[in-house]
Amino acid sequence: MNKLAFYPDVTTDGNHYIDHIKNALREAFPDIELVSLAPIRSTITEIDGVWLNWFESLYAKDTLSVTKEVLRKAGALLLLKLFRKKIITVMHNRMPHEVKYHSICRRLFQMTLRAADNIVILSDDSRQVVNEIAGADMTSKIIKVPHPLYHCRLKKYGARPCERPTVTFFGLIRPYKNIELILSLAARFPDIRFIIAGKVFTPDYQTEISDKAGAISNVSFRPGHLDDDAVNSLFDESDALILPYDMTSSLNSGVVYYACSAGINVIIPEIATVNEFANRDMFFHYAYASPEDHLEKLTDIMTALNYEYHNDFSSFVSRAETLRNEALHNNSREVLVSHIRQIKL
């Protein structure tokens, strides 16, 4: 193989996952040139294969536009198969987030998985999810490539706890990430400082969150793009990250690997990423059965975190150090490259 088309070529939300995987691919296969997929009609004869990320996501907002987007993507898959190009697709989530046309999206997801020659998973729990969505046994196609780590400044904790801990959410601020739940939690814990930072999904949603956050004195809302320096500064003033994801769509979390790279604690539901860690109990993790139960479980977790922070600070710090050391061993560039080399390109 000489040319591998990579989709999407870049991301616009500050997610460096694409950059890390492309660099690992170049190291694993130095003779392969990575190119852009679009427009496929003009590149189909020049490329030898494709590497797809989030291809199943549908971004159109109305029925006609969604239909056009599905037909365009289904046509691209058909063209790739007709020209016998190798298709590699990555399983990031159970389903794309904030899906309006769920059945159409699931059908496209199934089509993509079945058309793929290889399906890259980021976590072992994804194996079963792949087969469920594909409606067939895809085991022979699956290759695990762990999530990469990120270049972050190491969090430095003091010798003793501050007067109150700071719990932070950062990333693209979207409804499935349950930002409103964080606000409800903050109202229950006035002795804990909360930060919500990142680029907001839509202007209307930013206004909604801003109004709600403004009514809670211990919440700092910081909308806007976060570059690497801003993320490092955010980690410097934070004691833990809170990621109250929707478990019906979430599977893997890149933000967890940001936290592990920086050595900072994480509050998170028991998604597949958590189960990747032998030391999973070092996360402040939990399971919930309903949206109402989610807030109650988070309340229990926050109570435990607050107690440990003030009464056993060394154990609180040790949690993050343990997870960081495990991630450095299992998610290094060398490990990624060795897994990618299992794919026959």
C-alpha atoms as a PDB file:
ATOM      1  CA  MET A   1       0.000   0.000   0.000  1.00  0.00           C
ATOM      2  CA  ASN A   2       1.303   3.445  -0.960  1.00  0.00           C
ATOM      3  CA  LYS A   3      -1.501   5.914  -0.125  1.00  0.00           C
ATOM      4  CA  LEU A   4      -3.939   5.728   2.774  1.00  0.00           C
ATOM      5  CA  ALA A   5      -6.766   8.275   2.871  1.00  0.00           C
ATOM      6  CA  PHE A   6      -7.498   9.465   6.418  1.00  0.00           C
ATOM      7  CA  TYR A   7     -10.980  10.708   7.454  1.00  0.00           C
ATOM      8  CA  PRO A   8     -11.390  13.251   8.879  1.00  0.00           C
ATOM      9  CA  ASP A   9      -8.050  14.764   7.994  1.00  0.00           C
ATOM     10  CA  VAL A  10      -8.214  17.210  10.912  1.00  0.00           C
ATOM     11  CA  THR A  11     -10.588  17.997  13.776  1.00  0.00           C
ATOM     12  CA  THR A  12     -11.838  21.424  14.778  1.00  0.00           C
ATOM     13  CA  ASP A  13     -12.616  20.813  18.475  1.00  0.00           C
ATOM     14  CA  GLY A  14      -9.069  20.704  19.844  1.00  0.00           C
ATOM     15  CA  ASN A  15      -9.044  16.888  19.872  1.00  0.00           C
ATOM     16  CA  HIS A  16      -5.486  15.720  19.154  1.00  0.00           C
ATOM     17  CA  TYR A  17      -6.478  12.058  18.755  1.00  0.00           C
ATOM     18  CA  ILE A  18      -6.234  12.316  14.953  1.00  0.00           C
ATOM     19  CA  ASP A  19      -2.717  13.794  15.107  1.00  0.00           C
ATOM     20  CA  HIS A  20      -1.463  11.090  17.484  1.00  0.00           C
ATOM     21  CA  ILE A  21      -2.869   8.220  15.416  1.00  0.00           C
ATOM     22  CA  LYS A  22      -1.536   9.664  12.159  1.00  0.00           C
ATOM     23  CA  ASN A  23       1.922  10.016  13.701  1.00  0.00           C
ATOM     24  CA  ALA A  24       1.783   6.439  15.010  1.00  0.00           C
ATOM     25  CA  LEU A  25       0.715   5.238  11.562  1.00  0.00           C
ATOM     26  CA  ARG A  26       3.656   7.001   9.950  1.00  0.00           C
ATOM     27  CA  GLU A  27       6.007   5.370  12.442  1.00  0.00           C
ATOM     28  CA  ALA A  28       4.458   1.924  11.962  1.00  0.00           C
ATOM     29  CA  PHE A  29       4.458   2.182   8.154  1.00  0.00           C
ATOM     30  CA  PRO A  30       7.071   4.759   7.018  1.00  0.00           C
ATOM     31  CA  ASP A  31       6.475   4.045   3.318  1.00  0.00           C
ATOM     32  CA  ILE A  32       2.771   4.911   3.421  1.00  0.00           C
ATOM     33  CA  GLU A  33       1.597   8.412   2.473  1.00  0.00           C
ATOM     34  CA  LEU A  34      -1.422   9.720   4.391  1.00  0.00           C
ATOM     35  CA  VAL A  35      -3.763  11.810   2.248  1.00  0.00           C
ATOM     36  CA  SER A  36      -7.225  13.364   2.531  1.00  0.00           C
ATOM     37  CA  LEU A  37     -10.252  11.311   1.472  1.00  0.00           C
ATOM     38  CA  ALA A  38     -12.281  14.107  -0.057  1.00  0.00           C
ATOM     39  CA  PRO A  39     -13.368  14.360  -2.764  1.00  0.00           C
ATOM     40  CA  ILE A  40     -13.516  10.591  -3.114  1.00  0.00           C
ATOM     41  CA  ARG A  41     -14.464  10.567  -6.809  1.00  0.00           C
ATOM     42  CA  SER A  42     -11.173  12.176  -7.709  1.00  0.00           C
ATOM     43  CA  THR A  43      -9.028  10.237  -5.231  1.00  0.00           C
ATOM     44  CA  ILE A  44     -10.468   6.718  -5.565  1.00  0.00           C
ATOM     45  CA  THR A  45      -8.001   5.655  -8.259  1.00  0.00           C
ATOM     46  CA  GLU A  46      -5.012   7.149  -6.436  1.00  0.00           C
ATOM     47  CA  ILE A  47      -5.515   5.673  -2.965  1.00  0.00           C
ATOM     48  CA  ASP A  48      -5.020   2.101  -1.767  1.00  0.00           C
ATOM     49  CA  GLY A  49      -7.232   2.275   1.306  1.00  0.00           C
ATOM     50  CA  VAL A  50      -9.050   4.460   3.829  1.00  0.00           C
ATOM     51  CA  TRP A  51      -8.935   4.941   7.611  1.00  0.00           C
ATOM     52  CA  LEU A  52     -12.321   6.200   8.843  1.00  0.00           C
ATOM     53  CA  ASN A  53     -13.133   7.954  12.131  1.00  0.00           C
ATOM     54  CA  TRP A  54     -16.706   8.895  13.120  1.00  0.00           C
ATOM     55  CA  PHE A  55     -17.844   8.091   9.561  1.00  0.00           C
ATOM     56  CA  GLU A  56     -21.238   7.016  10.934  1.00  0.00           C
ATOM     57  CA  SER A  57     -21.944  10.484  12.344  1.00  0.00           C
ATOM     58  CA  LEU A  58     -24.658  12.453  10.553  1.00  0.00           C
ATOM     59  CA  TYR A  59     -24.397  16.204  10.936  1.00  0.00           C
ATOM     60  CA  ALA A  60     -27.364  17.362   8.824  1.00  0.00           C
ATOM     61  CA  LYS A  61     -30.403  18.715  10.690  1.00  0.00           C
ATOM     62  CA  ASP A  62     -33.357  17.964   8.386  1.00  0.00           C
ATOM     63  CA  THR A  63     -34.650  14.840   6.650  1.00  0.00           C
ATOM     64  CA  LEU A  64     -33.646  15.846   3.127  1.00  0.00           C
ATOM     65  CA  SER A  65     -30.104  16.815   4.130  1.00  0.00           C
ATOM     66  CA  VAL A  66     -29.676  13.651   6.206  1.00  0.00           C
ATOM     67  CA  THR A  67     -30.855  11.537   3.274  1.00  0.00           C
ATOM     68  CA  LYS A  68     -28.295  13.209   1.005  1.00  0.00           C
ATOM     69  CA  GLU A  69     -25.540  12.688   3.584  1.00  0.00           C
ATOM     70  CA  VAL A  70     -26.399   8.994   4.024  1.00  0.00           C
ATOM     71  CA  LEU A  71     -26.516   8.426   0.269  1.00  0.00           C
ATOM     72  CA  ARG A  72     -23.174  10.189  -0.153  1.00  0.00           C
ATOM     73  CA  LYS A  73     -21.509   8.086   2.524  1.00  0.00           C
ATOM     74  CA  ALA A  74     -23.145   4.838   1.404  1.00  0.00           C
ATOM     75  CA  GLY A  75     -22.025   5.646  -2.137  1.00  0.00           C
ATOM     76  CA  ALA A  76     -18.484   6.199  -0.915  1.00  0.00           C
ATOM     77  CA  LEU A  77     -18.470   2.787   0.798  1.00  0.00           C
ATOM     78  CA  LEU A  78     -19.817   1.140  -2.358  1.00  0.00           C
ATOM     79  CA  LEU A  79     -17.197   2.856  -4.501  1.00  0.00           C
ATOM     80  CA  LEU A  80     -14.428   1.733  -2.157  1.00  0.00           C
ATOM     81  CA  LYS A  81     -15.658  -1.855  -2.306  1.00  0.00           C
ATOM     82  CA  LEU A  82     -16.037  -1.808  -6.108  1.00  0.00           C
ATOM     83  CA  PHE A  83     -12.471  -0.551  -6.500  1.00  0.00           C
ATOM     84  CA  ARG A  84     -11.293  -3.089  -3.895  1.00  0.00           C
ATOM     85  CA  LYS A  85      -9.791  -0.495  -1.583  1.00  0.00           C
ATOM     86  CA  LYS A  86      -8.986  -1.540   1.984  1.00  0.00           C
ATOM     87  CA  ILE A  87     -11.421  -0.037   4.509  1.00  0.00           C
ATOM     88  CA  ILE A  88     -10.392   0.479   8.135  1.00  0.00           C
ATOM     89  CA  THR A  89     -12.927   2.056  10.471  1.00  0.00           C
ATOM     90  CA  VAL A  90     -12.580   3.023  14.124  1.00  0.00           C
ATOM     91  CA  MET A  91     -15.241   2.271  16.768  1.00  0.00           C
ATOM     92  CA  HIS A  92     -15.279   5.364  18.987  1.00  0.00           C
ATOM     93  CA  ASN A  93     -18.765   5.313  20.548  1.00  0.00           C
ATOM     94  CA  ARG A  94     -21.855   3.129  20.812  1.00  0.00           C
ATOM     95  CA  MET A  95     -23.676   5.680  18.695  1.00  0.00           C
ATOM     96  CA  PRO A  96     -22.959   9.241  17.578  1.00  0.00           C
ATOM     97  CA  HIS A  97     -24.058  11.759  20.189  1.00  0.00           C
ATOM     98  CA  GLU A  98     -27.232  13.893  19.958  1.00  0.00           C
ATOM     99  CA  VAL A  99     -28.571  11.710  17.154  1.00  0.00           C
ATOM    100  CA  LYS A 100     -31.825  13.005  15.666  1.00  0.00           C
ATOM    101  CA  TYR A 101     -32.313  10.220  13.120  1.00  0.00           C
ATOM    102  CA  HIS A 102     -31.338   7.262  15.269  1.00  0.00           C
ATOM    103  CA  SER A 103     -32.476   4.395  13.016  1.00  0.00           C
ATOM    104  CA  ILE A 104     -30.856   5.890   9.904  1.00  0.00           C
ATOM    105  CA  CYS A 105     -27.637   6.530  11.780  1.00  0.00           C
ATOM    106  CA  ARG A 106     -27.556   3.001  13.182  1.00  0.00           C
ATOM    107  CA  ARG A 107     -28.092   1.581   9.693  1.00  0.00           C
ATOM    108  CA  LEU A 108     -25.166   3.600   8.326  1.00  0.00           C
ATOM    109  CA  PHE A 109     -23.052   2.443  11.280  1.00  0.00           C
ATOM    110  CA  GLN A 110     -23.950  -1.180  10.530  1.00  0.00           C
ATOM    111  CA  MET A 111     -23.172  -0.691   6.856  1.00  0.00           C
ATOM    112  CA  THR A 112     -19.765   0.813   7.659  1.00  0.00           C
ATOM    113  CA  LEU A 113     -18.802  -1.983  10.046  1.00  0.00           C
ATOM    114  CA  ARG A 114     -19.842  -4.688   7.591  1.00  0.00           C
ATOM    115  CA  ALA A 115     -17.995  -3.029   4.705  1.00  0.00           C
ATOM    116  CA  ALA A 116     -14.775  -2.653   6.710  1.00  0.00           C
ATOM    117  CA  ASP A 117     -11.828  -4.986   6.247  1.00  0.00           C
ATOM    118  CA  ASN A 118     -10.599  -4.072   9.729  1.00  0.00           C
ATOM    119  CA  ILE A 119     -12.410  -2.524  12.693  1.00  0.00           C
ATOM    120  CA  VAL A 120     -10.154  -0.710  15.142  1.00  0.00           C
ATOM    121  CA  ILE A 121     -11.386  -0.695  18.737  1.00  0.00           C
ATOM    122  CA  LEU A 122     -10.000   1.370  21.598  1.00  0.00           C
ATOM    123  CA  SER A 123     -11.216  -0.864  24.446  1.00  0.00           C
ATOM    124  CA  ASP A 124     -11.998  -4.529  24.998  1.00  0.00           C
ATOM    125  CA  ASP A 125     -15.636  -3.811  25.878  1.00  0.00           C
ATOM    126  CA  SER A 126     -16.067  -2.550  22.318  1.00  0.00           C
ATOM    127  CA  ARG A 127     -15.846  -6.077  20.886  1.00  0.00           C
ATOM    128  CA  GLN A 128     -19.368  -6.971  21.948  1.00  0.00           C
ATOM    129  CA  VAL A 129     -20.712  -3.570  20.886  1.00  0.00           C
ATOM    130  CA  VAL A 130     -19.259  -4.003  17.382  1.00  0.00           C
ATOM    131  CA  ASN A 131     -21.058  -7.323  16.940  1.00  0.00           C
ATOM    132  CA  GLU A 132     -24.323  -5.929  18.323  1.00  0.00           C
ATOM    133  CA  ILE A 133     -24.367  -2.986  15.924  1.00  0.00           C
ATOM    134  CA  ALA A 134     -23.147  -4.982  12.925  1.00  0.00           C
ATOM    135  CA  GLY A 135     -25.693  -7.712  13.596  1.00  0.00           C
ATOM    136  CA  ALA A 136     -23.016 -10.302  12.835  1.00  0.00           C
ATOM    137  CA  ASP A 137     -19.792 -11.724  14.220  1.00  0.00           C
ATOM    138  CA  MET A 138     -17.046  -9.246  13.306  1.00  0.00           C
ATOM    139  CA  THR A 139     -14.410 -10.820  15.575  1.00  0.00           C
ATOM    140  CA  SER A 140     -12.001 -11.694  12.761  1.00  0.00           C
ATOM    141  CA  LYS A 141     -11.937  -8.057  11.601  1.00  0.00           C
ATOM    142  CA  ILE A 142     -11.273  -6.477  15.004  1.00  0.00           C
ATOM    143  CA  ILE A 143      -7.880  -5.091  15.996  1.00  0.00           C
ATOM    144  CA  LYS A 144      -7.374  -3.196  19.227  1.00  0.00           C
ATOM    145  CA  VAL A 145      -5.308  -0.013  19.121  1.00  0.00           C
ATOM    146  CA  PRO A 146      -5.337   1.618  22.587  1.00  0.00           C
ATOM    147  CA  HIS A 147      -6.160   5.289  22.967  1.00  0.00           C
ATOM    148  CA  PRO A 148      -3.089   7.544  22.802  1.00  0.00           C
ATOM    149  CA  LEU A 149      -1.858   9.694  25.646  1.00  0.00           C
ATOM    150  CA  TYR A 150      -1.522  13.465  25.358  1.00  0.00           C
ATOM    151  CA  HIS A 151       1.264  15.982  25.888  1.00  0.00           C
ATOM    152  CA  CYS A 152       0.274  17.639  29.169  1.00  0.00           C
ATOM    153  CA  ARG A 153       2.112  19.294  31.993  1.00  0.00           C
ATOM    154  CA  LEU A 154       2.188  17.018  35.045  1.00  0.00           C
ATOM    155  CA  LYS A 155      -0.203  18.151  37.768  1.00  0.00           C
ATOM    156  CA  LYS A 156       1.651  19.141  40.941  1.00  0.00           C
ATOM    157  CA  TYR A 157      -0.314  18.702  44.130  1.00  0.00           C
ATOM    158  CA  GLY A 158       0.697  20.569  47.269  1.00  0.00           C
ATOM    159  CA  ALA A 159       1.800  18.913  50.493  1.00  0.00           C
ATOM    160  CA  ARG A 160      -1.686  19.380  51.925  1.00  0.00           C
ATOM    161  CA  PRO A 161      -5.183  20.020  50.554  1.00  0.00           C
ATOM    162  CA  CYS A 162      -6.551  23.478  49.834  1.00  0.00           C
ATOM    163  CA  GLU A 163      -9.485  24.880  51.776  1.00  0.00           C
ATOM    164  CA  ARG A 164     -11.822  23.384  49.203  1.00  0.00           C
ATOM    165  CA  PRO A 165     -11.271  21.108  46.200  1.00  0.00           C
ATOM    166  CA  THR A 166     -11.813  22.253  42.614  1.00  0.00           C
ATOM    167  CA  VAL A 167     -13.704  19.912  40.294  1.00  0.00           C
ATOM    168  CA  THR A 168     -13.536  20.668  36.569  1.00  0.00           C
ATOM    169  CA  PHE A 169     -15.279  19.724  33.365  1.00  0.00           C
ATOM    170  CA  PHE A 170     -13.444  20.565  30.161  1.00  0.00           C
ATOM    171  CA  GLY A 171     -13.947  19.722  26.520  1.00  0.00           C
ATOM    172  CA  LEU A 172     -16.613  20.330  23.905  1.00  0.00           C
ATOM    173  CA  ILE A 173     -19.712  21.298  25.894  1.00  0.00           C
ATOM    174  CA  ARG A 174     -22.579  19.222  24.520  1.00  0.00           C
ATOM    175  CA  PRO A 175     -25.901  17.970  25.956  1.00  0.00           C
ATOM    176  CA  TYR A 176     -24.857  14.296  26.164  1.00  0.00           C
ATOM    177  CA  LYS A 177     -22.108  15.290  28.598  1.00  0.00           C
ATOM    178  CA  ASN A 178     -24.772  16.200  31.178  1.00  0.00           C
ATOM    179  CA  ILE A 179     -23.569  19.707  31.984  1.00  0.00           C
ATOM    180  CA  GLU A 180     -26.877  20.446  33.722  1.00  0.00           C
ATOM    181  CA  LEU A 181     -26.148  17.525  36.054  1.00  0.00           C
ATOM    182  CA  ILE A 182     -22.877  19.178  37.089  1.00  0.00           C
ATOM    183  CA  LEU A 183     -24.777  22.371  37.869  1.00  0.00           C
ATOM    184  CA  SER A 184     -27.279  20.459  40.011  1.00  0.00           C
ATOM    185  CA  LEU A 185     -24.378  18.791  41.798  1.00  0.00           C
ATOM    186  CA  ALA A 186     -22.664  22.121  42.388  1.00  0.00           C
ATOM    187  CA  ALA A 187     -25.796  23.456  44.070  1.00  0.00           C
ATOM    188  CA  ARG A 188     -25.627  20.520  46.499  1.00  0.00           C
ATOM    189  CA  PHE A 189     -21.942  21.103  47.330  1.00  0.00           C
ATOM    190  CA  PRO A 190     -21.339  24.820  47.959  1.00  0.00           C
ATOM    191  CA  ASP A 191     -18.054  23.938  49.687  1.00  0.00           C
ATOM    192  CA  ILE A 192     -16.622  22.592  46.417  1.00  0.00           C
ATOM    193  CA  ARG A 193     -15.544  24.840  43.539  1.00  0.00           C
ATOM    194  CA  PHE A 194     -16.678  23.806  40.051  1.00  0.00           C
ATOM    195  CA  ILE A 195     -15.262  24.907  36.680  1.00  0.00           C
ATOM    196  CA  ILE A 196     -16.984  24.244  33.328  1.00  0.00           C
ATOM    197  CA  ALA A 197     -14.687  25.147  30.448  1.00  0.00           C
ATOM    198  CA  GLY A 198     -14.643  24.594  26.699  1.00  0.00           C
ATOM    199  CA  LYS A 199     -16.215  25.336  23.358  1.00  0.00           C
ATOM    200  CA  VAL A 200     -20.017  25.164  23.509  1.00  0.00           C
ATOM    201  CA  PHE A 201     -22.087  23.086  21.068  1.00  0.00           C
ATOM    202  CA  THR A 202     -24.324  25.983  19.924  1.00  0.00           C
ATOM    203  CA  PRO A 203     -24.749  29.688  20.818  1.00  0.00           C
ATOM    204  CA  ASP A 204     -28.215  28.975  22.264  1.00  0.00           C
ATOM    205  CA  TYR A 205     -26.821  26.216  24.480  1.00  0.00           C
ATOM    206  CA  GLN A 206     -24.052  28.559  25.645  1.00  0.00           C
ATOM    207  CA  THR A 207     -26.632  31.134  26.707  1.00  0.00           C
ATOM    208  CA  GLU A 208     -28.635  28.459  28.517  1.00  0.00           C
ATOM    209  CA  ILE A 209     -25.628  27.152  30.451  1.00  0.00           C
ATOM    210  CA  SER A 210     -24.349  30.659  31.179  1.00  0.00           C
ATOM    211  CA  ASP A 211     -27.683  31.685  32.707  1.00  0.00           C
ATOM    212  CA  LYS A 212     -27.864  28.564  34.887  1.00  0.00           C
ATOM    213  CA  ALA A 213     -24.212  28.718  35.974  1.00  0.00           C
ATOM    214  CA  GLY A 214     -24.508  32.402  36.819  1.00  0.00           C
ATOM    215  CA  ALA A 215     -27.088  31.575  39.484  1.00  0.00           C
ATOM    216  CA  ILE A 216     -24.696  29.250  41.372  1.00  0.00           C
ATOM    217  CA  SER A 217     -21.950  31.082  43.243  1.00  0.00           C
ATOM    218  CA  ASN A 218     -19.405  28.215  43.321  1.00  0.00           C
ATOM    219  CA  VAL A 219     -19.482  27.636  39.532  1.00  0.00           C
ATOM    220  CA  SER A 220     -17.068  29.273  37.095  1.00  0.00           C
ATOM    221  CA  PHE A 221     -18.261  28.979  33.467  1.00  0.00           C
ATOM    222  CA  ARG A 222     -15.543  29.579  30.858  1.00  0.00           C
ATOM    223  CA  PRO A 223     -16.831  29.125  27.297  1.00  0.00           C
ATOM    224  CA  GLY A 224     -14.421  29.125  24.383  1.00  0.00           C
ATOM    225  CA  HIS A 225     -11.742  27.115  22.642  1.00  0.00           C
ATOM    226  CA  LEU A 226      -9.032  25.679  24.896  1.00  0.00           C
ATOM    227  CA  ASP A 227      -5.545  25.445  23.440  1.00  0.00           C
ATOM    228  CA  ASP A 228      -2.851  23.306  25.064  1.00  0.00           C
ATOM    229  CA  ASP A 229      -1.640  26.115  27.327  1.00  0.00           C
ATOM    230  CA  ALA A 230      -5.190  26.765  28.520  1.00  0.00           C
ATOM    231  CA  VAL A 231      -5.713  23.069  29.302  1.00  0.00           C
ATOM    232  CA  ASN A 232      -2.467  22.952  31.278  1.00  0.00           C
ATOM    233  CA  SER A 233      -3.467  26.028  33.255  1.00  0.00           C
ATOM    234  CA  LEU A 234      -6.882  24.514  33.906  1.00  0.00           C
ATOM    235  CA  PHE A 235      -5.300  21.340  35.259  1.00  0.00           C
ATOM    236  CA  ASP A 236      -3.024  23.398  37.508  1.00  0.00           C
ATOM    237  CA  GLU A 237      -6.020  24.786  39.391  1.00  0.00           C
ATOM    238  CA  SER A 238      -8.074  21.561  39.368  1.00  0.00           C
ATOM    239  CA  ASP A 239      -8.083  18.606  41.750  1.00  0.00           C
ATOM    240  CA  ALA A 240     -10.342  16.304  39.737  1.00  0.00           C
ATOM    241  CA  LEU A 241     -12.147  16.143  36.407  1.00  0.00           C
ATOM    242  CA  ILE A 242     -15.847  15.311  36.302  1.00  0.00           C
ATOM    243  CA  LEU A 243     -17.190  13.497  33.234  1.00  0.00           C
ATOM    244  CA  PRO A 244     -20.845  12.510  33.830  1.00  0.00           C
ATOM    245  CA  TYR A 245     -21.338  10.953  30.385  1.00  0.00           C
ATOM    246  CA  ASP A 246     -24.521   9.459  28.989  1.00  0.00           C
ATOM    247  CA  MET A 247     -23.824   5.720  29.098  1.00  0.00           C
ATOM    248  CA  THR A 248     -26.316   4.951  26.296  1.00  0.00           C
ATOM    249  CA  SER A 249     -24.001   6.480  23.675  1.00  0.00           C
ATOM    250  CA  SER A 250     -20.596   6.807  25.371  1.00  0.00           C
ATOM    251  CA  LEU A 251     -18.031   4.052  25.087  1.00  0.00           C
ATOM    252  CA  ASN A 252     -14.566   5.605  25.129  1.00  0.00           C
ATOM    253  CA  SER A 253     -13.276   8.899  26.528  1.00  0.00           C
ATOM    254  CA  GLY A 254     -10.239  10.762  25.283  1.00  0.00           C
ATOM    255  CA  VAL A 255     -10.526  13.198  28.196  1.00  0.00           C
ATOM    256  CA  VAL A 256      -9.718  10.343  30.589  1.00  0.00           C
ATOM    257  CA  TYR A 257      -6.384   9.937  28.816  1.00  0.00           C
ATOM    258  CA  TYR A 258      -5.795  13.682  29.084  1.00  0.00           C
ATOM    259  CA  ALA A 259      -6.310  13.289  32.827  1.00  0.00           C
ATOM    260  CA  CYS A 260      -4.004  10.275  33.026  1.00  0.00           C
ATOM    261  CA  SER A 261      -1.354  12.109  31.011  1.00  0.00           C
ATOM    262  CA  ALA A 262      -1.489  14.989  33.496  1.00  0.00           C
ATOM    263  CA  GLY A 263      -1.879  12.833  36.625  1.00  0.00           C
ATOM    264  CA  ILE A 264      -5.236  14.194  37.760  1.00  0.00           C
ATOM    265  CA  ASN A 265      -8.197  12.351  39.315  1.00  0.00           C
ATOM    266  CA  VAL A 266     -11.397  11.555  37.389  1.00  0.00           C
ATOM    267  CA  ILE A 267     -15.075  11.188  38.304  1.00  0.00           C
ATOM    268  CA  ILE A 268     -16.760   9.100  35.602  1.00  0.00           C
ATOM    269  CA  PRO A 269     -19.451   6.450  34.957  1.00  0.00           C
ATOM    270  CA  GLU A 270     -18.325   2.885  34.290  1.00  0.00           C
ATOM    271  CA  ILE A 271     -17.828   3.209  30.530  1.00  0.00           C
ATOM    272  CA  ALA A 272     -15.477   0.998  28.519  1.00  0.00           C
ATOM    273  CA  THR A 273     -12.471   3.272  29.065  1.00  0.00           C
ATOM    274  CA  VAL A 274     -12.685   2.758  32.833  1.00  0.00           C
ATOM    275  CA  ASN A 275     -12.700  -1.020  32.378  1.00  0.00           C
ATOM    276  CA  GLU A 276      -9.441  -0.809  30.420  1.00  0.00           C
ATOM    277  CA  PHE A 277      -7.571  -0.133  33.649  1.00  0.00           C
ATOM    278  CA  ALA A 278      -6.460  -2.912  35.991  1.00  0.00           C
ATOM    279  CA  ASN A 279      -6.546  -0.193  38.667  1.00  0.00           C
ATOM    280  CA  ARG A 280     -10.066   0.910  37.689  1.00  0.00           C
ATOM    281  CA  ASP A 281     -11.037   1.444  41.329  1.00  0.00           C
ATOM    282  CA  MET A 282      -8.578   4.331  41.457  1.00  0.00           C
ATOM    283  CA  PHE A 283     -11.150   6.253  39.402  1.00  0.00           C
ATOM    284  CA  PHE A 284     -14.064   7.778  41.279  1.00  0.00           C
ATOM    285  CA  HIS A 285     -16.361   5.598  39.161  1.00  0.00           C
ATOM    286  CA  TYR A 286     -20.028   4.698  39.473  1.00  0.00           C
ATOM    287  CA  ALA A 287     -22.992   3.175  37.627  1.00  0.00           C
ATOM    288  CA  TYR A 288     -26.502   4.598  37.363  1.00  0.00           C
ATOM    289  CA  ALA A 289     -29.904   3.297  36.250  1.00  0.00           C
ATOM    290  CA  SER A 290     -31.742   6.508  35.306  1.00  0.00           C
ATOM    291  CA  PRO A 291     -31.176  10.272  35.010  1.00  0.00           C
ATOM    292  CA  GLU A 292     -32.530  10.717  38.549  1.00  0.00           C
ATOM    293  CA  ASP A 293     -30.309   7.937  39.848  1.00  0.00           C
ATOM    294  CA  HIS A 294     -27.361   9.535  38.062  1.00  0.00           C
ATOM    295  CA  LEU A 295     -27.531  12.633  40.254  1.00  0.00           C
ATOM    296  CA  GLU A 296     -27.853  10.551  43.418  1.00  0.00           C
ATOM    297  CA  LYS A 297     -24.863   8.368  42.502  1.00  0.00           C
ATOM    298  CA  LEU A 298     -22.822  11.453  41.666  1.00  0.00           C
ATOM    299  CA  THR A 299     -23.795  12.929  45.024  1.00  0.00           C
ATOM    300  CA  ASP A 300     -22.477   9.828  46.785  1.00  0.00           C
ATOM    301  CA  ILE A 301     -19.243   9.945  44.776  1.00  0.00           C
ATOM    302  CA  MET A 302     -18.731  13.638  45.463  1.00  0.00           C
ATOM    303  CA  THR A 303     -19.291  13.101  49.176  1.00  0.00           C
ATOM    304  CA  ALA A 304     -16.632  10.362  49.182  1.00  0.00           C
ATOM    305  CA  LEU A 305     -14.213  12.489  47.143  1.00  0.00           C
ATOM    306  CA  ASN A 306     -14.636  15.484  49.427  1.00  0.00           C
ATOM    307  CA  TYR A 307     -14.031  13.342  52.507  1.00  0.00           C
ATOM    308  CA  GLU A 308     -10.900  11.691  51.076  1.00  0.00           C
ATOM    309  CA  TYR A 309      -9.548  15.024  49.844  1.00  0.00           C
ATOM    310  CA  HIS A 310      -9.710  16.559  53.329  1.00  0.00           C
ATOM    311  CA  ASN A 311      -9.023  13.476  55.480  1.00  0.00           C
ATOM    312  CA  ASP A 312      -6.678  11.260  53.430  1.00  0.00           C
ATOM    313  CA  PHE A 313      -5.017  13.587  50.953  1.00  0.00           C
ATOM    314  CA  SER A 314      -2.091  11.229  50.286  1.00  0.00           C
ATOM    315  CA  SER A 315      -4.515   8.538  49.082  1.00  0.00           C
ATOM    316  CA  PHE A 316      -6.306  11.105  46.937  1.00  0.00           C
ATOM    317  CA  VAL A 317      -3.047  12.031  45.203  1.00  0.00           C
ATOM    318  CA  SER A 318      -1.926   8.400  44.962  1.00  0.00           C
ATOM    319  CA  ARG A 319      -5.021   7.503  42.923  1.00  0.00           C
ATOM    320  CA  ALA A 320      -3.992   9.784  40.079  1.00  0.00           C
ATOM    321  CA  GLU A 321      -0.356   8.668  40.209  1.00  0.00           C
ATOM    322  CA  THR A 322      -1.362   4.997  39.980  1.00  0.00           C
ATOM    323  CA  LEU A 323      -3.572   5.560  36.930  1.00  0.00           C
ATOM    324  CA  ARG A 324      -0.928   7.694  35.233  1.00  0.00           C
ATOM    325  CA  ASN A 325       1.734   5.024  35.664  1.00  0.00           C
ATOM    326  CA  GLU A 326      -0.577   2.357  34.225  1.00  0.00           C
ATOM    327  CA  ALA A 327      -1.464   4.535  31.233  1.00  0.00           C
ATOM    328  CA  LEU A 328       2.195   5.344  30.570  1.00  0.00           C
ATOM    329  CA  HIS A 329       2.825   1.603  30.344  1.00  0.00           C
ATOM    330  CA  ASN A 330      -0.244   0.567  28.303  1.00  0.00           C
ATOM    331  CA  ASN A 331      -0.905   3.609  26.099  1.00  0.00           C
ATOM    332  CA  SER A 332       2.535   4.797  25.045  1.00  0.00           C
ATOM    333  CA  ARG A 333       3.441   5.632  21.440  1.00  0.00           C
ATOM    334  CA  GLU A 334       5.470   2.395  21.270  1.00  0.00           C
ATOM    335  CA  VAL A 335       2.431   0.332  22.297  1.00  0.00           C
ATOM    336  CA  LEU A 336       0.201   2.097  19.749  1.00  0.00           C
ATOM    337  CA  VAL A 337       2.712   1.479  16.967  1.00  0.00           C
ATOM    338  CA  SER A 338       3.036  -2.208  17.853  1.00  0.00           C
ATOM    339  CA  HIS A 339      -0.760  -2.644  17.711  1.00  0.00           C
ATOM    340  CA  ILE A 340      -1.109  -0.725  14.446  1.00  0.00           C
ATOM    341  CA  ARG A 341       1.481  -2.993  12.843  1.00  0.00           C
ATOM    342  CA  GLN A 342      -0.980  -5.888  13.280  1.00  0.00           C
ATOM    343  CA  ILE A 343      -3.022  -4.332  10.464  1.00  0.00           C
ATOM    344  CA  LYS A 344      -1.999  -5.535   7.042  1.00  0.00           C
ATOM    345  CA  LEU A 345      -1.546  -2.419   4.942  1.00  0.00           C
END
